[in-house]
C-alpha atoms as a PDB file:
ATOM      1  CA  MET A   1      17.640   7.105  11.145  1.00  0.00           C
ATOM      2  CA  LYS A   2      17.800   7.400   7.368  1.00  0.00           C
ATOM      3  CA  ALA A   3      14.639   7.993   5.390  1.00  0.00           C
ATOM      4  CA  LEU A   4      13.553   9.091   1.925  1.00  0.00           C
ATOM      5  CA  LEU A   5      12.158  12.638   2.038  1.00  0.00           C
ATOM      6  CA  PRO A   6      10.350  14.654  -0.659  1.00  0.00           C
ATOM      7  CA  ALA A   7      12.795  16.711  -2.723  1.00  0.00           C
ATOM      8  CA  GLU A   8      12.914  19.075  -5.680  1.00  0.00           C
ATOM      9  CA  PRO A   9      12.258  18.936  -8.519  1.00  0.00           C
ATOM     10  CA  ALA A  10       9.092  16.975  -7.772  1.00  0.00           C
ATOM     11  CA  PRO A  11       8.346  14.117  -7.838  1.00  0.00           C
ATOM     12  CA  ARG A  12      11.710  13.185  -6.335  1.00  0.00           C
ATOM     13  CA  VAL A  13      13.087  12.071  -2.993  1.00  0.00           C
ATOM     14  CA  CYS A  14      16.418  12.352  -1.212  1.00  0.00           C
ATOM     15  CA  LEU A  15      17.982  10.014   1.340  1.00  0.00           C
ATOM     16  CA  ALA A  16      18.524  12.010   4.527  1.00  0.00           C
ATOM     17  CA  GLU A  17      18.513  11.850   8.297  1.00  0.00           C
ATOM     18  CA  ALA A  18      15.059  11.898   9.858  1.00  0.00           C
ATOM     19  CA  ALA A  19      13.882  11.928  13.445  1.00  0.00           C
ATOM     20  CA  GLU A  20      13.667   8.541  15.122  1.00  0.00           C
ATOM     21  CA  VAL A  21      10.117   7.199  15.131  1.00  0.00           C
ATOM     22  CA  ILE A  22       8.560   6.416  18.504  1.00  0.00           C
ATOM     23  CA  PRO A  23       5.720   3.859  18.567  1.00  0.00           C
ATOM     24  CA  ARG A  24       2.597   4.252  20.663  1.00  0.00           C
ATOM     25  CA  THR A  25       1.577   1.424  22.970  1.00  0.00           C
ATOM     26  CA  ASP A  26      -0.542  -0.145  20.223  1.00  0.00           C
ATOM     27  CA  GLU A  27       2.201   0.042  17.582  1.00  0.00           C
ATOM     28  CA  LEU A  28       5.241  -2.013  16.634  1.00  0.00           C
ATOM     29  CA  LEU A  29       8.659  -0.631  15.796  1.00  0.00           C
ATOM     30  CA  VAL A  30       9.819  -2.350  12.605  1.00  0.00           C
ATOM     31  CA  GLN A  31      13.175  -2.560  10.847  1.00  0.00           C
ATOM     32  CA  VAL A  32      12.164  -2.090   7.206  1.00  0.00           C
ATOM     33  CA  GLU A  33      13.756  -4.556   4.789  1.00  0.00           C
ATOM     34  CA  ALA A  34      11.776  -3.773   1.628  1.00  0.00           C
ATOM     35  CA  PHE A  35       9.002  -1.477   0.484  1.00  0.00           C
ATOM     36  CA  SER A  36       6.735  -1.169  -2.525  1.00  0.00           C
ATOM     37  CA  LEU A  37       6.038   2.007  -4.513  1.00  0.00           C
ATOM     38  CA  ASN A  38       2.474   2.854  -5.471  1.00  0.00           C
ATOM     39  CA  ARG A  39       1.457   5.224  -8.256  1.00  0.00           C
ATOM     40  CA  GLY A  40      -0.675   7.215  -5.833  1.00  0.00           C
ATOM     41  CA  GLU A  41       2.441   8.002  -3.817  1.00  0.00           C
ATOM     42  CA  THR A  42       4.168   9.384  -6.908  1.00  0.00           C
ATOM     43  CA  PHE A  43       1.147  11.663  -7.381  1.00  0.00           C
ATOM     44  CA  GLN A  44       1.457  12.852  -3.768  1.00  0.00           C
ATOM     45  CA  LEU A  45       5.144  13.575  -4.316  1.00  0.00           C
ATOM     46  CA  GLU A  46       4.182  16.088  -6.997  1.00  0.00           C
ATOM     47  CA  ALA A  47       2.836  18.373  -4.240  1.00  0.00           C
ATOM     48  CA  PRO A  48       3.812  16.825  -0.882  1.00  0.00           C
ATOM     49  CA  ARG A  49       2.206  17.986   2.343  1.00  0.00           C
ATOM     50  CA  THR A  50       4.466  19.582   4.941  1.00  0.00           C
ATOM     51  CA  GLY A  51       5.982  16.916   7.180  1.00  0.00           C
ATOM     52  CA  TRP A  52       4.681  14.022   5.098  1.00  0.00           C
ATOM     53  CA  ARG A  53       7.007  11.120   4.276  1.00  0.00           C
ATOM     54  CA  PRO A  54       6.060   8.536   1.612  1.00  0.00           C
ATOM     55  CA  GLY A  55       5.656   4.826   2.219  1.00  0.00           C
ATOM     56  CA  LYS A  56       2.591   2.638   2.723  1.00  0.00           C
ATOM     57  CA  ASP A  57       3.719  -0.919   1.919  1.00  0.00           C
ATOM     58  CA  ILE A  58       6.564  -2.423   3.940  1.00  0.00           C
ATOM     59  CA  ALA A  59       8.035  -5.742   4.989  1.00  0.00           C
ATOM     60  CA  GLY A  60      10.628  -6.212   7.701  1.00  0.00           C
ATOM     61  CA  ARG A  61      11.377  -7.440  11.184  1.00  0.00           C
ATOM     62  CA  VAL A  62       9.961  -6.399  14.557  1.00  0.00           C
ATOM     63  CA  LEU A  63      12.467  -4.427  16.622  1.00  0.00           C
ATOM     64  CA  ARG A  64      10.106  -3.635  19.481  1.00  0.00           C
ATOM     65  CA  PRO A  65       6.732  -5.333  20.126  1.00  0.00           C
ATOM     66  CA  ALA A  66       3.647  -3.332  20.989  1.00  0.00           C
ATOM     67  CA  LEU A  67       3.252  -2.688  24.692  1.00  0.00           C
ATOM     68  CA  GLU A  68      -0.405  -3.633  24.592  1.00  0.00           C
ATOM     69  CA  GLY A  69      -2.257  -6.353  22.724  1.00  0.00           C
ATOM     70  CA  SER A  70      -1.017  -9.667  21.385  1.00  0.00           C
ATOM     71  CA  GLY A  71       1.052  -8.665  18.383  1.00  0.00           C
ATOM     72  CA  PRO A  72       4.178 -10.181  16.796  1.00  0.00           C
ATOM     73  CA  ALA A  73       7.175 -10.602  19.098  1.00  0.00           C
ATOM     74  CA  ARG A  74      10.641  -9.130  18.619  1.00  0.00           C
ATOM     75  CA  GLY A  75      12.448 -10.678  15.662  1.00  0.00           C
ATOM     76  CA  ILE A  76       9.290 -11.825  13.869  1.00  0.00           C
ATOM     77  CA  ARG A  77       9.131 -10.960  10.154  1.00  0.00           C
ATOM     78  CA  ILE A  78       6.049  -9.031   9.114  1.00  0.00           C
ATOM     79  CA  VAL A  79       4.291  -7.284   6.243  1.00  0.00           C
ATOM     80  CA  ALA A  80       2.332  -4.115   6.937  1.00  0.00           C
ATOM     81  CA  HIS A  81       0.237  -1.374   5.382  1.00  0.00           C
ATOM     82  CA  VAL A  82       0.792   1.979   7.071  1.00  0.00           C
ATOM     83  CA  ASP A  83      -0.511   5.478   6.363  1.00  0.00           C
ATOM     84  CA  ALA A  84       2.908   7.007   5.622  1.00  0.00           C
ATOM     85  CA  GLY A  85       6.601   6.961   6.476  1.00  0.00           C
ATOM     86  CA  GLY A  86       7.515   3.476   5.249  1.00  0.00           C
ATOM     87  CA  TRP A  87      10.365   4.504   2.941  1.00  0.00           C
ATOM     88  CA  ALA A  88      12.809   4.498   5.832  1.00  0.00           C
ATOM     89  CA  GLU A  89      15.092   2.305   7.903  1.00  0.00           C
ATOM     90  CA  LYS A  90      12.428   2.055  10.621  1.00  0.00           C
ATOM     91  CA  ALA A  91       8.675   2.477  10.734  1.00  0.00           C
ATOM     92  CA  VAL A  92       5.888   2.316  13.292  1.00  0.00           C
ATOM     93  CA  VAL A  93       3.071  -0.099  12.491  1.00  0.00           C
ATOM     94  CA  PRO A  94      -0.363  -0.266  14.153  1.00  0.00           C
ATOM     95  CA  LEU A  95      -1.308  -3.731  15.409  1.00  0.00           C
ATOM     96  CA  ASP A  96      -4.365  -3.793  13.137  1.00  0.00           C
ATOM     97  CA  ARG A  97      -2.257  -3.196   9.997  1.00  0.00           C
ATOM     98  CA  VAL A  98       0.206  -6.085  10.205  1.00  0.00           C
ATOM     99  CA  ALA A  99       0.509  -9.800   9.381  1.00  0.00           C
ATOM    100  CA  GLU A 100       3.288 -12.259  10.196  1.00  0.00           C
ATOM    101  CA  LEU A 101       5.339 -13.820   7.397  1.00  0.00           C
ATOM    102  CA  PRO A 102       6.243 -17.494   7.034  1.00  0.00           C
ATOM    103  CA  ASP A 103       9.857 -18.417   6.347  1.00  0.00           C
ATOM    104  CA  GLN A 104       9.236 -19.256   2.689  1.00  0.00           C
ATOM    105  CA  LEU A 105       7.952 -15.761   1.798  1.00  0.00           C
ATOM    106  CA  VAL A 106      10.811 -13.303   1.270  1.00  0.00           C
ATOM    107  CA  SER A 107      10.430  -9.652   2.226  1.00  0.00           C
ATOM    108  CA  SER A 108      10.650  -8.363  -1.343  1.00  0.00           C
ATOM    109  CA  SER A 109       7.663 -10.459  -2.413  1.00  0.00           C
ATOM    110  CA  ALA A 110       5.700  -9.647   0.733  1.00  0.00           C
ATOM    111  CA  ALA A 111       6.221  -5.896   0.302  1.00  0.00           C
ATOM    112  CA  ALA A 112       4.323  -6.074  -2.996  1.00  0.00           C
ATOM    113  CA  LEU A 113       1.187  -7.390  -1.300  1.00  0.00           C
ATOM    114  CA  PRO A 114      -0.484  -4.674   0.803  1.00  0.00           C
ATOM    115  CA  MET A 115      -1.918  -1.835  -1.309  1.00  0.00           C
ATOM    116  CA  ALA A 116      -2.340  -3.731  -4.577  1.00  0.00           C
ATOM    117  CA  GLY A 117      -3.391  -6.998  -2.957  1.00  0.00           C
ATOM    118  CA  LEU A 118      -5.856  -5.400  -0.550  1.00  0.00           C
ATOM    119  CA  THR A 119      -7.388  -3.417  -3.403  1.00  0.00           C
ATOM    120  CA  ALA A 120      -7.832  -6.498  -5.607  1.00  0.00           C
ATOM    121  CA  LEU A 121      -9.233  -8.633  -2.798  1.00  0.00           C
ATOM    122  CA  ARG A 122     -11.716  -5.956  -1.788  1.00  0.00           C
ATOM    123  CA  LEU A 123     -12.718  -5.150  -5.369  1.00  0.00           C
ATOM    124  CA  LEU A 124     -13.861  -8.744  -5.779  1.00  0.00           C
ATOM    125  CA  ARG A 125     -15.696  -8.574  -2.473  1.00  0.00           C
ATOM    126  CA  THR A 126     -17.505  -5.457  -3.717  1.00  0.00           C
ATOM    127  CA  ALA A 127     -18.452  -7.096  -7.008  1.00  0.00           C
ATOM    128  CA  GLY A 128     -19.875 -10.204  -5.347  1.00  0.00           C
ATOM    129  CA  PRO A 129     -19.555 -13.785  -6.646  1.00  0.00           C
ATOM    130  CA  VAL A 130     -17.863 -13.921 -10.050  1.00  0.00           C
ATOM    131  CA  ALA A 131     -17.864 -17.671 -10.710  1.00  0.00           C
ATOM    132  CA  GLY A 132     -19.095 -18.250 -14.257  1.00  0.00           C
ATOM    133  CA  ARG A 133     -19.430 -14.516 -14.931  1.00  0.00           C
ATOM    134  CA  ARG A 134     -17.773 -12.443 -17.653  1.00  0.00           C
ATOM    135  CA  VAL A 135     -15.430  -9.838 -16.181  1.00  0.00           C
ATOM    136  CA  LEU A 136     -13.689  -6.905 -17.910  1.00  0.00           C
ATOM    137  CA  VAL A 137     -10.614  -5.262 -16.326  1.00  0.00           C
ATOM    138  CA  THR A 138      -9.074  -2.053 -17.701  1.00  0.00           C
ATOM    139  CA  GLY A 139      -5.560  -0.864 -16.885  1.00  0.00           C
ATOM    140  CA  ALA A 140      -4.847  -4.451 -15.979  1.00  0.00           C
ATOM    141  CA  SER A 141      -1.055  -4.546 -16.239  1.00  0.00           C
ATOM    142  CA  GLY A 142      -0.410  -2.720 -12.948  1.00  0.00           C
ATOM    143  CA  GLY A 143       0.004  -4.290  -9.539  1.00  0.00           C
ATOM    144  CA  VAL A 144      -3.727  -4.374  -8.766  1.00  0.00           C
ATOM    145  CA  GLY A 145      -4.602  -5.851 -12.151  1.00  0.00           C
ATOM    146  CA  HIS A 146      -2.345  -8.886 -11.777  1.00  0.00           C
ATOM    147  CA  TYR A 147      -3.793  -9.783  -8.383  1.00  0.00           C
ATOM    148  CA  LEU A 148      -7.353  -9.063  -9.533  1.00  0.00           C
ATOM    149  CA  VAL A 149      -7.065 -11.277 -12.604  1.00  0.00           C
ATOM    150  CA  GLU A 150      -5.527 -14.183 -10.710  1.00  0.00           C
ATOM    151  CA  LEU A 151      -8.070 -14.031  -7.879  1.00  0.00           C
ATOM    152  CA  ALA A 152     -11.054 -13.661 -10.237  1.00  0.00           C
ATOM    153  CA  ALA A 153      -9.909 -16.465 -12.540  1.00  0.00           C
ATOM    154  CA  ALA A 154      -9.364 -18.743  -9.534  1.00  0.00           C
ATOM    155  CA  GLN A 155     -13.010 -18.166  -8.595  1.00  0.00           C
ATOM    156  CA  GLY A 156     -14.135 -19.258 -12.063  1.00  0.00           C
ATOM    157  CA  ALA A 157     -14.603 -15.910 -13.806  1.00  0.00           C
ATOM    158  CA  ASP A 158     -14.112 -15.492 -17.566  1.00  0.00           C
ATOM    159  CA  VAL A 159     -11.733 -12.514 -17.535  1.00  0.00           C
ATOM    160  CA  THR A 160     -10.897 -10.108 -20.357  1.00  0.00           C
ATOM    161  CA  VAL A 161      -8.062  -7.652 -19.726  1.00  0.00           C
ATOM    162  CA  VAL A 162      -7.231  -4.328 -21.345  1.00  0.00           C
ATOM    163  CA  ALA A 163      -3.480  -3.617 -21.398  1.00  0.00           C
ATOM    164  CA  ALA A 164      -1.335  -1.286 -23.458  1.00  0.00           C
ATOM    165  CA  SER A 165       0.437  -4.015 -25.437  1.00  0.00           C
ATOM    166  CA  PRO A 166       0.541  -7.792 -25.941  1.00  0.00           C
ATOM    167  CA  HIS A 167       3.832  -7.797 -24.028  1.00  0.00           C
ATOM    168  CA  ARG A 168       2.176  -6.258 -20.964  1.00  0.00           C
ATOM    169  CA  SER A 169      -0.734  -8.704 -21.114  1.00  0.00           C
ATOM    170  CA  ALA A 170       1.273 -11.926 -21.520  1.00  0.00           C
ATOM    171  CA  ARG A 171       1.635 -12.500 -17.796  1.00  0.00           C
ATOM    172  CA  LEU A 172      -2.065 -11.741 -17.269  1.00  0.00           C
ATOM    173  CA  ARG A 173      -2.916 -14.533 -19.698  1.00  0.00           C
ATOM    174  CA  ALA A 174      -0.645 -16.862 -17.726  1.00  0.00           C
ATOM    175  CA  LEU A 175      -2.488 -15.895 -14.522  1.00  0.00           C
ATOM    176  CA  GLY A 176      -5.856 -16.869 -15.957  1.00  0.00           C
ATOM    177  CA  ALA A 177      -7.164 -14.133 -18.268  1.00  0.00           C
ATOM    178  CA  SER A 178      -9.145 -15.667 -21.128  1.00  0.00           C
ATOM    179  CA  ARG A 179      -8.391 -12.881 -23.594  1.00  0.00           C
ATOM    180  CA  ALA A 180      -6.420  -9.656 -23.806  1.00  0.00           C
ATOM    181  CA  VAL A 181      -6.933  -6.502 -25.893  1.00  0.00           C
ATOM    182  CA  VAL A 182      -5.092  -3.193 -26.137  1.00  0.00           C
ATOM    183  CA  SER A 183      -8.224  -1.022 -26.080  1.00  0.00           C
ATOM    184  CA  VAL A 184     -11.640  -1.361 -24.484  1.00  0.00           C
ATOM    185  CA  GLU A 185     -13.051  -0.491 -27.923  1.00  0.00           C
ATOM    186  CA  ASP A 186     -11.739  -3.871 -29.156  1.00  0.00           C
ATOM    187  CA  VAL A 187     -14.343  -5.860 -27.205  1.00  0.00           C
ATOM    188  CA  GLU A 188     -18.102  -6.000 -27.576  1.00  0.00           C
ATOM    189  CA  GLY A 189     -19.264  -7.814 -24.449  1.00  0.00           C
ATOM    190  CA  PRO A 190     -21.629  -8.057 -22.828  1.00  0.00           C
ATOM    191  CA  TYR A 191     -19.868  -8.341 -19.462  1.00  0.00           C
ATOM    192  CA  ASP A 192     -21.437  -8.953 -16.087  1.00  0.00           C
ATOM    193  CA  VAL A 193     -18.806  -6.971 -14.182  1.00  0.00           C
ATOM    194  CA  GLY A 194     -16.471  -4.185 -15.315  1.00  0.00           C
ATOM    195  CA  PHE A 195     -13.542  -2.941 -13.221  1.00  0.00           C
ATOM    196  CA  ASP A 196     -12.232   0.411 -14.458  1.00  0.00           C
ATOM    197  CA  SER A 197      -9.043   2.017 -13.163  1.00  0.00           C
ATOM    198  CA  VAL A 198      -8.416   4.333 -16.105  1.00  0.00           C
ATOM    199  CA  GLY A 199     -11.149   6.967 -15.904  1.00  0.00           C
ATOM    200  CA  GLY A 200     -11.781   9.442 -18.714  1.00  0.00           C
ATOM    201  CA  THR A 201     -13.675   7.923 -21.630  1.00  0.00           C
ATOM    202  CA  SER A 202     -12.720   4.395 -20.532  1.00  0.00           C
ATOM    203  CA  THR A 203     -15.347   4.394 -17.772  1.00  0.00           C
ATOM    204  CA  GLY A 204     -18.214   5.073 -20.154  1.00  0.00           C
ATOM    205  CA  ALA A 205     -16.863   2.545 -22.652  1.00  0.00           C
ATOM    206  CA  VAL A 206     -16.914  -0.151 -19.950  1.00  0.00           C
ATOM    207  CA  LEU A 207     -20.487   0.761 -18.989  1.00  0.00           C
ATOM    208  CA  ARG A 208     -21.612   0.413 -22.616  1.00  0.00           C
ATOM    209  CA  ARG A 209     -20.237  -3.141 -22.658  1.00  0.00           C
ATOM    210  CA  LEU A 210     -22.118  -4.391 -19.603  1.00  0.00           C
ATOM    211  CA  THR A 211     -25.224  -6.515 -19.514  1.00  0.00           C
ATOM    212  CA  THR A 212     -28.480  -4.708 -18.760  1.00  0.00           C
ATOM    213  CA  HIS A 213     -28.126  -5.365 -15.027  1.00  0.00           C
ATOM    214  CA  GLY A 214     -24.328  -5.489 -14.937  1.00  0.00           C
ATOM    215  CA  ARG A 215     -22.031  -3.869 -12.395  1.00  0.00           C
ATOM    216  CA  LEU A 216     -19.398  -1.187 -13.007  1.00  0.00           C
ATOM    217  CA  VAL A 217     -16.794  -0.671 -10.278  1.00  0.00           C
ATOM    218  CA  TRP A 218     -14.640   2.429 -10.778  1.00  0.00           C
ATOM    219  CA  PHE A 219     -11.503   2.516  -8.663  1.00  0.00           C
ATOM    220  CA  GLY A 220      -9.024   4.914 -10.223  1.00  0.00           C
ATOM    221  CA  GLN A 221      -8.066   7.261 -13.024  1.00  0.00           C
ATOM    222  CA  ALA A 222      -4.666   6.269 -14.333  1.00  0.00           C
ATOM    223  CA  SER A 223      -5.384   8.554 -17.288  1.00  0.00           C
ATOM    224  CA  ARG A 224      -5.387  11.493 -14.831  1.00  0.00           C
ATOM    225  CA  ARG A 225      -8.847  12.357 -16.191  1.00  0.00           C
ATOM    226  CA  ALA A 226     -12.137  12.091 -14.302  1.00  0.00           C
ATOM    227  CA  PRO A 227     -14.622   9.412 -15.471  1.00  0.00           C
ATOM    228  CA  ALA A 228     -16.849  10.522 -18.342  1.00  0.00           C
ATOM    229  CA  LEU A 229     -20.333   9.007 -18.403  1.00  0.00           C
ATOM    230  CA  ASP A 230     -23.161   9.815 -20.808  1.00  0.00           C
ATOM    231  CA  PHE A 231     -26.449   8.736 -19.262  1.00  0.00           C
ATOM    232  CA  PHE A 232     -28.262   9.448 -22.537  1.00  0.00           C
ATOM    233  CA  ASP A 233     -26.261   6.661 -24.163  1.00  0.00           C
ATOM    234  CA  TRP A 234     -28.663   3.708 -23.893  1.00  0.00           C
ATOM    235  CA  THR A 235     -26.328   1.043 -25.268  1.00  0.00           C
ATOM    236  CA  GLY A 236     -25.435  -1.571 -22.678  1.00  0.00           C
ATOM    237  CA  GLY A 237     -25.679  -1.449 -18.908  1.00  0.00           C
ATOM    238  CA  THR A 238     -28.969   0.430 -18.978  1.00  0.00           C
ATOM    239  CA  MET A 239     -29.879  -0.766 -15.467  1.00  0.00           C
ATOM    240  CA  ALA A 240     -26.318  -1.297 -14.296  1.00  0.00           C
ATOM    241  CA  THR A 241     -25.070  -0.619 -10.779  1.00  0.00           C
ATOM    242  CA  ILE A 242     -22.213   1.897 -10.684  1.00  0.00           C
ATOM    243  CA  SER A 243     -19.907   1.879  -7.649  1.00  0.00           C
ATOM    244  CA  LYS A 244     -17.120   4.252  -6.695  1.00  0.00           C
ATOM    245  CA  PHE A 245     -14.587   2.111  -4.858  1.00  0.00           C
ATOM    246  CA  HIS A 246     -11.941   2.911  -2.261  1.00  0.00           C
ATOM    247  CA  TYR A 247     -10.186   0.028  -0.597  1.00  0.00           C
ATOM    248  CA  LEU A 248     -10.353   1.558   2.901  1.00  0.00           C
ATOM    249  CA  ASP A 249     -14.164   1.710   2.748  1.00  0.00           C
ATOM    250  CA  ASP A 250     -14.271  -2.069   3.217  1.00  0.00           C
ATOM    251  CA  PRO A 251     -15.040  -2.740   6.908  1.00  0.00           C
ATOM    252  CA  ALA A 252     -12.950  -5.926   7.091  1.00  0.00           C
ATOM    253  CA  PRO A 253      -9.849  -5.628   9.314  1.00  0.00           C
ATOM    254  CA  ILE A 254      -6.737  -4.887   7.265  1.00  0.00           C
ATOM    255  CA  ALA A 255      -4.725  -7.336   9.379  1.00  0.00           C
ATOM    256  CA  ASP A 256      -7.117 -10.167   8.465  1.00  0.00           C
ATOM    257  CA  ASP A 257      -6.971  -9.402   4.745  1.00  0.00           C
ATOM    258  CA  LEU A 258      -3.186  -9.103   4.852  1.00  0.00           C
ATOM    259  CA  ALA A 259      -3.020 -12.501   6.543  1.00  0.00           C
ATOM    260  CA  ALA A 260      -5.230 -13.930   3.770  1.00  0.00           C
ATOM    261  CA  LEU A 261      -2.929 -12.507   1.081  1.00  0.00           C
ATOM    262  CA  VAL A 262       0.113 -13.942   2.863  1.00  0.00           C
ATOM    263  CA  ARG A 263      -1.561 -17.360   3.148  1.00  0.00           C
ATOM    264  CA  LEU A 264      -2.490 -17.418  -0.547  1.00  0.00           C
ATOM    265  CA  THR A 265       1.007 -16.381  -1.599  1.00  0.00           C
ATOM    266  CA  ALA A 266       2.779 -18.836   0.695  1.00  0.00           C
ATOM    267  CA  SER A 267       0.587 -21.652  -0.636  1.00  0.00           C
ATOM    268  CA  ASP A 268       1.432 -20.753  -4.270  1.00  0.00           C
ATOM    269  CA  ARG A 269      -2.096 -19.579  -5.087  1.00  0.00           C
ATOM    270  CA  LEU A 270      -1.247 -15.892  -5.481  1.00  0.00           C
ATOM    271  CA  HIS A 271       1.848 -14.610  -7.268  1.00  0.00           C
ATOM    272  CA  PRO A 272       3.172 -11.078  -6.759  1.00  0.00           C
ATOM    273  CA  GLU A 273       4.218  -9.633 -10.094  1.00  0.00           C
ATOM    274  CA  ILE A 274       7.347  -7.549  -9.477  1.00  0.00           C
ATOM    275  CA  GLY A 275       8.286  -5.696 -12.638  1.00  0.00           C
ATOM    276  CA  LEU A 276      11.148  -3.764 -11.023  1.00  0.00           C
ATOM    277  CA  HIS A 277      13.243  -4.879  -8.036  1.00  0.00           C
ATOM    278  CA  ASP A 278      16.153  -2.703  -6.952  1.00  0.00           C
ATOM    279  CA  THR A 279      17.653  -0.991  -3.898  1.00  0.00           C
ATOM    280  CA  TRP A 280      16.399   2.201  -2.312  1.00  0.00           C
ATOM    281  CA  ASP A 281      19.319   4.288  -3.530  1.00  0.00           C
ATOM    282  CA  HIS A 282      17.642   3.987  -6.941  1.00  0.00           C
ATOM    283  CA  THR A 283      14.267   5.248  -5.752  1.00  0.00           C
ATOM    284  CA  ASN A 284      14.143   8.253  -8.087  1.00  0.00           C
ATOM    285  CA  GLU A 285      14.757   6.045 -11.102  1.00  0.00           C
ATOM    286  CA  ALA A 286      11.999   3.719  -9.863  1.00  0.00           C
ATOM    287  CA  ILE A 287       9.599   6.659  -9.402  1.00  0.00           C
ATOM    288  CA  ALA A 288      10.265   7.782 -12.967  1.00  0.00           C
ATOM    289  CA  ALA A 289       9.735   4.282 -14.346  1.00  0.00           C
ATOM    290  CA  LEU A 290       6.452   3.904 -12.474  1.00  0.00           C
ATOM    291  CA  SER A 291       5.205   7.384 -13.401  1.00  0.00           C
ATOM    292  CA  GLU A 292       5.995   6.803 -17.059  1.00  0.00           C
ATOM    293  CA  ARG A 293       4.244   3.407 -16.999  1.00  0.00           C
ATOM    294  CA  ARG A 294       7.395   1.498 -17.933  1.00  0.00           C
ATOM    295  CA  VAL A 295       6.805  -1.146 -15.254  1.00  0.00           C
ATOM    296  CA  ARG A 296       4.483  -4.135 -15.422  1.00  0.00           C
ATOM    297  CA  GLY A 297       3.189  -5.062 -11.968  1.00  0.00           C
ATOM    298  CA  ASN A 298       4.775  -3.807  -8.744  1.00  0.00           C
ATOM    299  CA  VAL A 299       7.953  -1.893  -7.949  1.00  0.00           C
ATOM    300  CA  VAL A 300       9.848  -3.156  -4.883  1.00  0.00           C
ATOM    301  CA  LEU A 301      13.001  -1.653  -3.390  1.00  0.00           C
ATOM    302  CA  ASP A 302      15.239  -3.195  -0.720  1.00  0.00           C
ATOM    303  CA  VAL A 303      16.476  -1.063   2.162  1.00  0.00           C
ATOM    304  CA  THR A 304      20.245  -1.551   2.254  1.00  0.00           C
END
């Protein structure tokens, strides 16, 4: 089968022949129709592990059902979140990482759901109820940010987003953000909840803008710098809760959360933001665009 493999100079890939994948009894064999790129995968491509193939978010059609369990039958369209290997013609998918797709949800939209959608859904679960609360989101113009803003606003939160430019924040306003700024320094707060995906000095700036008993949830460092916090700075958030978040730490079954994301999207209550949609023979161009932050929302490529 054909698959995208790490290549030089990093971070690049090449389309080449790869060994056929063989599912275990609790896995499906899937014909991949579309996949989504995540920034974390571009980081991994900078120094790929031996034998590793990229690809976590896929949508496609079941070629072979699992031999055990009650999973989707042959021919059923699915979306899945796998550990690796999804940038290929075929992929193996564990039964607990898959959700069926309704006819009205195309594969390219579904492929944008898993990593970003799961992260946003589980971030809100970590933060607790946000109805009527003031919420600050940094680095909001990526895939996670669009889902997070729409889900939080739908729950009744008053959301402020930090994005690099008014152009990048326009869609966030349409999805429910009350206000948008280009720097966290442009807001005073106080905020009840702060979601920081930038790291560096941004994390401390968010903490300073929280209420006394606010909550800071750190879930990434798009700046490529570790969070910087000064605990001798007594302005804002003096009794705040600080959480380091990873989406796989949530105990909820991935299949259940994927099904929830599919249901919300199919019912027009969640809207994947696809800033770049192309075919997989343009993967290196897509990697460059994502790495250089030239894309708003998700990047989705069709397997042709």
